[in-house]
Amino acid sequence: MTDKRWEDIKGLIEERFGFLDLREEKIVVGEDEKGKPVEGVVEIVEFKTPQGKFKLERTTKPAIIDKKVLSSRRIGAEKNIVYIYSQEEMIKTFKAYRWQEEKGEWEEIKPDFLEES
């Protein structure tokens, strides 16, 4: 989802329903090869419609461009996987949730073609 499309969706939600909550949260995606944390951002929009309460999440994080497996041939040695993150390329994912009153939790909404039979 492009940045413009995301802004359009937020504008439509604000116009039609208003926001219950609009926030950004920083998340730690992993560590780079030097041990420094690699961060991403989650944008969260909550709103209420006649069909119930909904939450949209858009996650932006650096793309993984390579991975290194560090290991030794000794018995009982651990394997470490180090991911190499891109400085320029970002991955953007989108998820939608609906509040389930009877369960007291958010349930992810998946498109019909992704549902298992």
C-alpha atoms as a PDB file:
ATOM      1  CA  MET A   1       0.000   0.000   0.000  1.00  0.00           C
ATOM      2  CA  THR A   2       1.422   3.346  -1.019  1.00  0.00           C
ATOM      3  CA  ASP A   3       1.787   6.284   1.349  1.00  0.00           C
ATOM      4  CA  LYS A   4      -0.815   8.266  -0.614  1.00  0.00           C
ATOM      5  CA  ARG A   5      -3.376   5.434  -0.458  1.00  0.00           C
ATOM      6  CA  TRP A   6      -2.831   5.081   3.303  1.00  0.00           C
ATOM      7  CA  GLU A   7      -3.406   8.828   3.797  1.00  0.00           C
ATOM      8  CA  ASP A   8      -6.558   8.627   1.630  1.00  0.00           C
ATOM      9  CA  ILE A   9      -7.920   5.766   3.754  1.00  0.00           C
ATOM     10  CA  LYS A  10      -7.248   7.665   6.982  1.00  0.00           C
ATOM     11  CA  GLY A  11      -8.986  10.727   5.511  1.00  0.00           C
ATOM     12  CA  LEU A  12     -12.074   8.696   4.562  1.00  0.00           C
ATOM     13  CA  ILE A  13     -12.256   7.112   8.014  1.00  0.00           C
ATOM     14  CA  GLU A  14     -11.953  10.481   9.747  1.00  0.00           C
ATOM     15  CA  GLU A  15     -14.620  11.996   7.484  1.00  0.00           C
ATOM     16  CA  ARG A  16     -17.154   9.157   7.831  1.00  0.00           C
ATOM     17  CA  PHE A  17     -16.621   7.799  11.349  1.00  0.00           C
ATOM     18  CA  GLY A  18     -14.025   9.832  13.244  1.00  0.00           C
ATOM     19  CA  PHE A  19     -11.062   8.349  15.073  1.00  0.00           C
ATOM     20  CA  LEU A  20     -11.256   6.577  18.412  1.00  0.00           C
ATOM     21  CA  ASP A  21      -7.451   6.406  18.414  1.00  0.00           C
ATOM     22  CA  LEU A  22      -4.688   7.445  16.014  1.00  0.00           C
ATOM     23  CA  ARG A  23      -1.096   6.705  17.008  1.00  0.00           C
ATOM     24  CA  GLU A  24       2.351   5.564  15.911  1.00  0.00           C
ATOM     25  CA  GLU A  25       4.483   3.070  17.803  1.00  0.00           C
ATOM     26  CA  LYS A  26       8.147   2.298  17.258  1.00  0.00           C
ATOM     27  CA  ILE A  27       9.004  -1.391  17.172  1.00  0.00           C
ATOM     28  CA  VAL A  28      12.328  -3.206  17.235  1.00  0.00           C
ATOM     29  CA  VAL A  29      12.518  -5.509  14.220  1.00  0.00           C
ATOM     30  CA  GLY A  30      15.861  -7.088  15.052  1.00  0.00           C
ATOM     31  CA  GLU A  31      19.547  -6.300  15.323  1.00  0.00           C
ATOM     32  CA  ASP A  32      21.998  -5.405  12.607  1.00  0.00           C
ATOM     33  CA  GLU A  33      25.385  -7.105  12.215  1.00  0.00           C
ATOM     34  CA  LYS A  34      26.908  -4.676  14.760  1.00  0.00           C
ATOM     35  CA  GLY A  35      24.292  -5.502  17.406  1.00  0.00           C
ATOM     36  CA  LYS A  36      22.407  -2.211  17.097  1.00  0.00           C
ATOM     37  CA  PRO A  37      18.597  -2.403  17.148  1.00  0.00           C
ATOM     38  CA  VAL A  38      16.800  -2.008  13.817  1.00  0.00           C
ATOM     39  CA  GLU A  39      13.533  -0.127  14.217  1.00  0.00           C
ATOM     40  CA  GLY A  40      10.267   0.046  12.346  1.00  0.00           C
ATOM     41  CA  VAL A  41       7.030   1.977  12.831  1.00  0.00           C
ATOM     42  CA  VAL A  42       3.459   0.759  13.310  1.00  0.00           C
ATOM     43  CA  GLU A  43       0.688   3.255  12.524  1.00  0.00           C
ATOM     44  CA  ILE A  44      -2.587   2.361  14.252  1.00  0.00           C
ATOM     45  CA  VAL A  45      -6.058   3.731  13.474  1.00  0.00           C
ATOM     46  CA  GLU A  46      -9.071   2.708  15.562  1.00  0.00           C
ATOM     47  CA  PHE A  47     -12.624   3.703  14.658  1.00  0.00           C
ATOM     48  CA  LYS A  48     -16.225   2.680  15.280  1.00  0.00           C
ATOM     49  CA  THR A  49     -18.790   1.944  12.569  1.00  0.00           C
ATOM     50  CA  PRO A  50     -22.379   0.669  12.719  1.00  0.00           C
ATOM     51  CA  GLN A  51     -20.894  -2.838  12.178  1.00  0.00           C
ATOM     52  CA  GLY A  52     -18.604  -2.533  15.206  1.00  0.00           C
ATOM     53  CA  LYS A  53     -15.154  -1.368  16.254  1.00  0.00           C
ATOM     54  CA  PHE A  54     -12.214  -1.756  13.839  1.00  0.00           C
ATOM     55  CA  LYS A  55      -8.460  -1.288  13.930  1.00  0.00           C
ATOM     56  CA  LEU A  56      -6.094  -0.834  10.987  1.00  0.00           C
ATOM     57  CA  GLU A  57      -2.341  -1.322  11.339  1.00  0.00           C
ATOM     58  CA  ARG A  58       0.299  -0.318   8.818  1.00  0.00           C
ATOM     59  CA  THR A  59       3.816  -1.541   9.601  1.00  0.00           C
ATOM     60  CA  THR A  60       6.867  -0.003   7.939  1.00  0.00           C
ATOM     61  CA  LYS A  61      10.218  -1.728   8.454  1.00  0.00           C
ATOM     62  CA  PRO A  62      13.529  -2.151   6.606  1.00  0.00           C
ATOM     63  CA  ALA A  63      13.720  -4.965   4.081  1.00  0.00           C
ATOM     64  CA  ILE A  64      15.980  -7.938   4.794  1.00  0.00           C
ATOM     65  CA  ILE A  65      18.501  -8.114   1.961  1.00  0.00           C
ATOM     66  CA  ASP A  66      20.728 -10.916   3.225  1.00  0.00           C
ATOM     67  CA  LYS A  67      21.240 -13.335   6.105  1.00  0.00           C
ATOM     68  CA  LYS A  68      24.393 -14.837   7.502  1.00  0.00           C
ATOM     69  CA  VAL A  69      24.480 -18.079   9.451  1.00  0.00           C
ATOM     70  CA  LEU A  70      27.297 -18.121  11.988  1.00  0.00           C
ATOM     71  CA  SER A  71      28.183 -21.562  13.311  1.00  0.00           C
ATOM     72  CA  SER A  72      31.062 -23.820  14.148  1.00  0.00           C
ATOM     73  CA  ARG A  73      31.632 -27.537  13.628  1.00  0.00           C
ATOM     74  CA  ARG A  74      31.986 -28.337  17.326  1.00  0.00           C
ATOM     75  CA  ILE A  75      29.475 -30.614  18.998  1.00  0.00           C
ATOM     76  CA  GLY A  76      26.807 -28.649  20.824  1.00  0.00           C
ATOM     77  CA  ALA A  77      27.750 -25.346  19.190  1.00  0.00           C
ATOM     78  CA  GLU A  78      24.983 -22.826  18.635  1.00  0.00           C
ATOM     79  CA  LYS A  79      24.020 -21.347  15.303  1.00  0.00           C
ATOM     80  CA  ASN A  80      23.412 -17.635  15.081  1.00  0.00           C
ATOM     81  CA  ILE A  81      21.562 -15.986  12.232  1.00  0.00           C
ATOM     82  CA  VAL A  82      22.404 -12.367  11.484  1.00  0.00           C
ATOM     83  CA  TYR A  83      20.084 -10.464   9.156  1.00  0.00           C
ATOM     84  CA  ILE A  84      21.351  -7.657   6.941  1.00  0.00           C
ATOM     85  CA  TYR A  85      18.771  -4.862   6.636  1.00  0.00           C
ATOM     86  CA  SER A  86      18.475  -2.382   3.775  1.00  0.00           C
ATOM     87  CA  GLN A  87      19.080   1.288   4.513  1.00  0.00           C
ATOM     88  CA  GLU A  88      16.860   2.475   1.635  1.00  0.00           C
ATOM     89  CA  GLU A  89      14.234  -0.176   0.913  1.00  0.00           C
ATOM     90  CA  MET A  90      11.248  -0.397   3.268  1.00  0.00           C
ATOM     91  CA  ILE A  91       8.565  -3.090   3.525  1.00  0.00           C
ATOM     92  CA  LYS A  92       5.031  -1.916   4.269  1.00  0.00           C
ATOM     93  CA  THR A  93       2.365  -4.331   5.484  1.00  0.00           C
ATOM     94  CA  PHE A  94      -1.302  -3.710   6.239  1.00  0.00           C
ATOM     95  CA  LYS A  95      -3.614  -5.595   8.611  1.00  0.00           C
ATOM     96  CA  ALA A  96      -7.226  -5.036   9.636  1.00  0.00           C
ATOM     97  CA  TYR A  97      -8.850  -6.185  12.872  1.00  0.00           C
ATOM     98  CA  ARG A  98     -12.377  -6.287  14.256  1.00  0.00           C
ATOM     99  CA  TRP A  99     -13.140  -6.123  17.969  1.00  0.00           C
ATOM    100  CA  GLN A 100     -14.828  -9.298  19.205  1.00  0.00           C
ATOM    101  CA  GLU A 101     -16.881  -8.228  22.214  1.00  0.00           C
ATOM    102  CA  GLU A 102     -17.629 -11.771  23.404  1.00  0.00           C
ATOM    103  CA  LYS A 103     -13.918 -12.710  23.377  1.00  0.00           C
ATOM    104  CA  GLY A 104     -12.645  -9.323  24.501  1.00  0.00           C
ATOM    105  CA  GLU A 105      -9.900  -9.262  21.851  1.00  0.00           C
ATOM    106  CA  TRP A 106      -9.036  -8.106  18.345  1.00  0.00           C
ATOM    107  CA  GLU A 107      -9.554 -10.668  15.566  1.00  0.00           C
ATOM    108  CA  GLU A 108      -7.698 -10.265  12.285  1.00  0.00           C
ATOM    109  CA  ILE A 109      -9.861  -9.833   9.192  1.00  0.00           C
ATOM    110  CA  LYS A 110      -8.552 -11.822   6.239  1.00  0.00           C
ATOM    111  CA  PRO A 111      -9.777 -11.672   2.641  1.00  0.00           C
ATOM    112  CA  ASP A 112     -11.997 -14.583   1.599  1.00  0.00           C
ATOM    113  CA  PHE A 113      -9.431 -15.927  -0.849  1.00  0.00           C
ATOM    114  CA  LEU A 114      -6.926 -16.358   2.024  1.00  0.00           C
ATOM    115  CA  GLU A 115      -9.376 -18.205   4.267  1.00  0.00           C
ATOM    116  CA  GLU A 116      -8.797 -21.931   4.657  1.00  0.00           C
ATOM    117  CA  SER A 117     -11.629 -24.235   3.664  1.00  0.00           C
END
